[in-house]
Amino acid sequence: MLLLAQIAVLDDPPAIGDAEAHFRAAVIRAEQLGMRPEVAHCHFGLAKLYCRTGDRAKAEKHLTIATMMYREMDMRFWLEQAEATG
């Protein structure tokens, strides 16, 4: 589901509705399976989607969640990527 969301984001213009639906489904599934890194990646993907569409408030919300999760899990590479996005 995460991969489908990422593909929808890359469409020109982005398939916003499809991307959001895939990201949200991926978050739910990853949470059910205890896959915290996947959940963080979904929030980071949503942040990038909303940055691309100009919805700064939603982008900041998801970027904050992603950076917090990356920091908690000591995922330095992804934390740097997320911080560079903001």
N, C-alpha and C. Protein backbone atom coordinates (compact mmCIF):
# COMPACT_ATOMS: atom_id res chain seq x y z
N MET A 1 0.81 -1.19 0.00
CA MET A 1 0.00 0.00 0.00
C MET A 1 0.86 1.26 0.00
N LEU A 2 1.96 1.22 0.75
CA LEU A 2 2.85 2.37 0.77
C LEU A 2 3.41 2.63 -0.63
N LEU A 3 3.78 1.58 -1.31
CA LEU A 3 4.31 1.74 -2.67
C LEU A 3 3.26 2.34 -3.61
N LEU A 4 2.03 1.89 -3.50
CA LEU A 4 0.95 2.46 -4.32
C LEU A 4 0.77 3.95 -4.03
N ALA A 5 0.87 4.31 -2.76
CA ALA A 5 0.75 5.73 -2.38
C ALA A 5 1.90 6.54 -2.99
N GLN A 6 3.10 6.01 -2.91
CA GLN A 6 4.25 6.72 -3.45
C GLN A 6 4.15 6.89 -4.96
N ILE A 7 3.61 5.90 -5.64
CA ILE A 7 3.41 6.00 -7.08
C ILE A 7 2.38 7.07 -7.40
N ALA A 8 1.29 7.11 -6.63
CA ALA A 8 0.24 8.11 -6.85
C ALA A 8 0.78 9.52 -6.65
N VAL A 9 1.71 9.70 -5.71
CA VAL A 9 2.31 11.01 -5.45
C VAL A 9 3.13 11.46 -6.66
N LEU A 10 3.75 10.53 -7.35
CA LEU A 10 4.62 10.88 -8.47
C LEU A 10 3.87 11.21 -9.75
N ASP A 11 2.58 10.90 -9.79
CA ASP A 11 1.79 11.29 -10.96
C ASP A 11 1.86 12.80 -11.15
N ASP A 12 1.72 13.23 -12.39
CA ASP A 12 1.76 14.66 -12.68
C ASP A 12 0.48 15.06 -13.39
N PRO A 13 -0.45 15.69 -12.71
CA PRO A 13 -0.42 16.10 -11.30
C PRO A 13 -0.62 14.90 -10.39
N PRO A 14 -0.23 15.04 -9.11
CA PRO A 14 -0.37 13.92 -8.19
C PRO A 14 -1.82 13.48 -8.03
N ALA A 15 -2.01 12.18 -7.92
CA ALA A 15 -3.36 11.62 -7.68
C ALA A 15 -3.61 11.72 -6.18
N ILE A 16 -4.00 12.90 -5.75
CA ILE A 16 -4.09 13.22 -4.31
C ILE A 16 -5.02 12.26 -3.57
N GLY A 17 -6.21 12.07 -4.08
CA GLY A 17 -7.17 11.19 -3.41
C GLY A 17 -6.66 9.76 -3.29
N ASP A 18 -6.10 9.24 -4.37
CA ASP A 18 -5.55 7.88 -4.33
C ASP A 18 -4.39 7.79 -3.36
N ALA A 19 -3.50 8.77 -3.42
CA ALA A 19 -2.33 8.75 -2.53
C ALA A 19 -2.76 8.79 -1.07
N GLU A 20 -3.67 9.70 -0.74
CA GLU A 20 -4.15 9.79 0.65
C GLU A 20 -4.77 8.47 1.09
N ALA A 21 -5.60 7.88 0.26
CA ALA A 21 -6.26 6.63 0.62
C ALA A 21 -5.24 5.51 0.84
N HIS A 22 -4.25 5.42 -0.04
CA HIS A 22 -3.23 4.38 0.11
C HIS A 22 -2.36 4.61 1.34
N PHE A 23 -1.98 5.87 1.58
CA PHE A 23 -1.18 6.15 2.78
C PHE A 23 -1.96 5.81 4.04
N ARG A 24 -3.22 6.20 4.10
CA ARG A 24 -4.03 5.93 5.30
C ARG A 24 -4.23 4.43 5.51
N ALA A 25 -4.46 3.69 4.44
CA ALA A 25 -4.59 2.23 4.54
C ALA A 25 -3.27 1.61 5.00
N ALA A 26 -2.17 2.14 4.49
CA ALA A 26 -0.86 1.62 4.88
C ALA A 26 -0.57 1.90 6.35
N VAL A 27 -0.96 3.08 6.84
CA VAL A 27 -0.77 3.41 8.26
C VAL A 27 -1.55 2.43 9.13
N ILE A 28 -2.80 2.20 8.78
CA ILE A 28 -3.64 1.29 9.57
C ILE A 28 -3.03 -0.11 9.61
N ARG A 29 -2.64 -0.60 8.46
CA ARG A 29 -2.07 -1.96 8.39
C ARG A 29 -0.73 -2.04 9.13
N ALA A 30 0.11 -1.06 8.95
CA ALA A 30 1.41 -1.06 9.63
C ALA A 30 1.25 -0.97 11.14
N GLU A 31 0.28 -0.18 11.60
CA GLU A 31 0.02 -0.10 13.04
C GLU A 31 -0.46 -1.44 13.57
N GLN A 32 -1.34 -2.11 12.83
CA GLN A 32 -1.84 -3.42 13.24
C GLN A 32 -0.70 -4.43 13.38
N LEU A 33 0.29 -4.31 12.52
CA LEU A 33 1.41 -5.25 12.51
C LEU A 33 2.59 -4.80 13.37
N GLY A 34 2.46 -3.62 13.99
CA GLY A 34 3.54 -3.11 14.83
C GLY A 34 4.77 -2.66 14.05
N MET A 35 4.55 -2.21 12.83
CA MET A 35 5.64 -1.79 11.95
C MET A 35 5.84 -0.27 12.04
N ARG A 36 6.44 0.17 13.15
CA ARG A 36 6.59 1.60 13.38
C ARG A 36 7.37 2.33 12.29
N PRO A 37 8.46 1.75 11.76
CA PRO A 37 9.16 2.45 10.67
C PRO A 37 8.26 2.70 9.47
N GLU A 38 7.41 1.73 9.15
CA GLU A 38 6.49 1.89 8.02
C GLU A 38 5.48 3.01 8.30
N VAL A 39 5.01 3.08 9.54
CA VAL A 39 4.07 4.15 9.92
C VAL A 39 4.75 5.51 9.73
N ALA A 40 5.99 5.61 10.18
CA ALA A 40 6.74 6.87 10.04
C ALA A 40 6.91 7.22 8.57
N HIS A 41 7.24 6.24 7.75
CA HIS A 41 7.41 6.50 6.31
C HIS A 41 6.09 6.98 5.68
N CYS A 42 4.98 6.44 6.15
CA CYS A 42 3.68 6.89 5.63
C CYS A 42 3.43 8.35 5.98
N HIS A 43 3.73 8.72 7.21
CA HIS A 43 3.54 10.12 7.60
C HIS A 43 4.49 11.04 6.82
N PHE A 44 5.70 10.58 6.59
CA PHE A 44 6.65 11.36 5.79
C PHE A 44 6.13 11.51 4.36
N GLY A 45 5.59 10.43 3.82
CA GLY A 45 5.02 10.49 2.47
C GLY A 45 3.84 11.45 2.39
N LEU A 46 2.98 11.42 3.41
CA LEU A 46 1.86 12.37 3.44
C LEU A 46 2.37 13.80 3.53
N ALA A 47 3.41 14.02 4.31
CA ALA A 47 3.98 15.36 4.42
C ALA A 47 4.49 15.84 3.06
N LYS A 48 5.18 14.98 2.33
CA LYS A 48 5.69 15.36 1.01
C LYS A 48 4.54 15.61 0.04
N LEU A 49 3.49 14.79 0.12
CA LEU A 49 2.32 15.00 -0.74
C LEU A 49 1.72 16.36 -0.48
N TYR A 50 1.49 16.69 0.78
CA TYR A 50 0.85 17.96 1.11
C TYR A 50 1.76 19.15 0.81
N CYS A 51 3.07 18.97 0.92
CA CYS A 51 3.99 20.04 0.49
C CYS A 51 3.82 20.29 -1.00
N ARG A 52 3.73 19.21 -1.74
CA ARG A 52 3.61 19.32 -3.20
C ARG A 52 2.30 19.97 -3.62
N THR A 53 1.24 19.75 -2.84
CA THR A 53 -0.06 20.32 -3.19
C THR A 53 -0.29 21.68 -2.54
N GLY A 54 0.65 22.11 -1.69
CA GLY A 54 0.54 23.44 -1.08
C GLY A 54 -0.26 23.49 0.21
N ASP A 55 -0.62 22.35 0.76
CA ASP A 55 -1.36 22.33 2.02
C ASP A 55 -0.36 22.27 3.17
N ARG A 56 0.15 23.44 3.52
CA ARG A 56 1.25 23.55 4.48
C ARG A 56 0.87 23.04 5.87
N ALA A 57 -0.35 23.28 6.32
CA ALA A 57 -0.77 22.86 7.66
C ALA A 57 -0.74 21.33 7.79
N LYS A 58 -1.29 20.65 6.80
CA LYS A 58 -1.28 19.18 6.83
C LYS A 58 0.14 18.65 6.68
N ALA A 59 0.93 19.30 5.85
CA ALA A 59 2.32 18.88 5.66
C ALA A 59 3.08 18.95 6.98
N GLU A 60 2.94 20.05 7.68
CA GLU A 60 3.63 20.23 8.96
C GLU A 60 3.20 19.19 9.98
N LYS A 61 1.90 18.91 10.02
CA LYS A 61 1.37 17.92 10.97
C LYS A 61 2.03 16.56 10.75
N HIS A 62 2.05 16.09 9.51
CA HIS A 62 2.60 14.77 9.22
C HIS A 62 4.12 14.76 9.31
N LEU A 63 4.76 15.85 8.96
CA LEU A 63 6.21 15.93 9.08
C LEU A 63 6.63 15.88 10.56
N THR A 64 5.87 16.53 11.42
CA THR A 64 6.15 16.50 12.85
C THR A 64 6.04 15.07 13.39
N ILE A 65 4.99 14.36 12.98
CA ILE A 65 4.81 12.98 13.42
C ILE A 65 5.97 12.12 12.92
N ALA A 66 6.31 12.26 11.65
CA ALA A 66 7.40 11.44 11.08
C ALA A 66 8.73 11.72 11.77
N THR A 67 9.07 12.99 11.96
CA THR A 67 10.36 13.30 12.59
C THR A 67 10.39 12.80 14.03
N MET A 68 9.28 12.93 14.74
CA MET A 68 9.23 12.43 16.12
C MET A 68 9.46 10.92 16.14
N MET A 69 8.80 10.21 15.25
CA MET A 69 8.96 8.75 15.20
C MET A 69 10.37 8.35 14.78
N TYR A 70 10.93 9.00 13.78
CA TYR A 70 12.29 8.70 13.35
C TYR A 70 13.28 8.95 14.50
N ARG A 71 13.07 10.02 15.23
CA ARG A 71 13.94 10.34 16.36
C ARG A 71 13.83 9.26 17.45
N GLU A 72 12.61 8.87 17.79
CA GLU A 72 12.38 7.84 18.81
C GLU A 72 13.02 6.50 18.43
N MET A 73 13.01 6.19 17.13
CA MET A 73 13.56 4.92 16.67
C MET A 73 15.03 5.02 16.28
N ASP A 74 15.61 6.21 16.46
CA ASP A 74 17.01 6.47 16.11
C ASP A 74 17.31 6.14 14.64
N MET A 75 16.39 6.53 13.78
CA MET A 75 16.55 6.32 12.34
C MET A 75 17.15 7.60 11.75
N ARG A 76 18.43 7.76 11.93
CA ARG A 76 19.12 9.02 11.62
C ARG A 76 19.02 9.43 10.16
N PHE A 77 19.20 8.47 9.25
CA PHE A 77 19.14 8.82 7.83
C PHE A 77 17.79 9.45 7.50
N TRP A 78 16.71 8.78 7.92
CA TRP A 78 15.38 9.28 7.61
C TRP A 78 15.04 10.54 8.38
N LEU A 79 15.56 10.67 9.58
CA LEU A 79 15.36 11.90 10.35
C LEU A 79 15.99 13.07 9.60
N GLU A 80 17.18 12.89 9.08
CA GLU A 80 17.83 13.95 8.30
C GLU A 80 17.03 14.29 7.06
N GLN A 81 16.51 13.27 6.38
CA GLN A 81 15.70 13.52 5.19
C GLN A 81 14.45 14.32 5.53
N ALA A 82 13.78 13.95 6.62
CA ALA A 82 12.56 14.64 7.03
C ALA A 82 12.86 16.07 7.46
N GLU A 83 13.93 16.26 8.21
CA GLU A 83 14.27 17.62 8.65
C GLU A 83 14.64 18.51 7.48
N ALA A 84 15.24 17.94 6.45
CA ALA A 84 15.60 18.72 5.27
C ALA A 84 14.36 19.10 4.47
N THR A 85 13.27 18.37 4.63
CA THR A 85 12.03 18.66 3.92
C THR A 85 11.33 19.86 4.52
N GLY A 86 11.40 20.00 5.85
CA GLY A 86 10.67 21.06 6.55
C GLY A 86 11.15 22.41 6.33
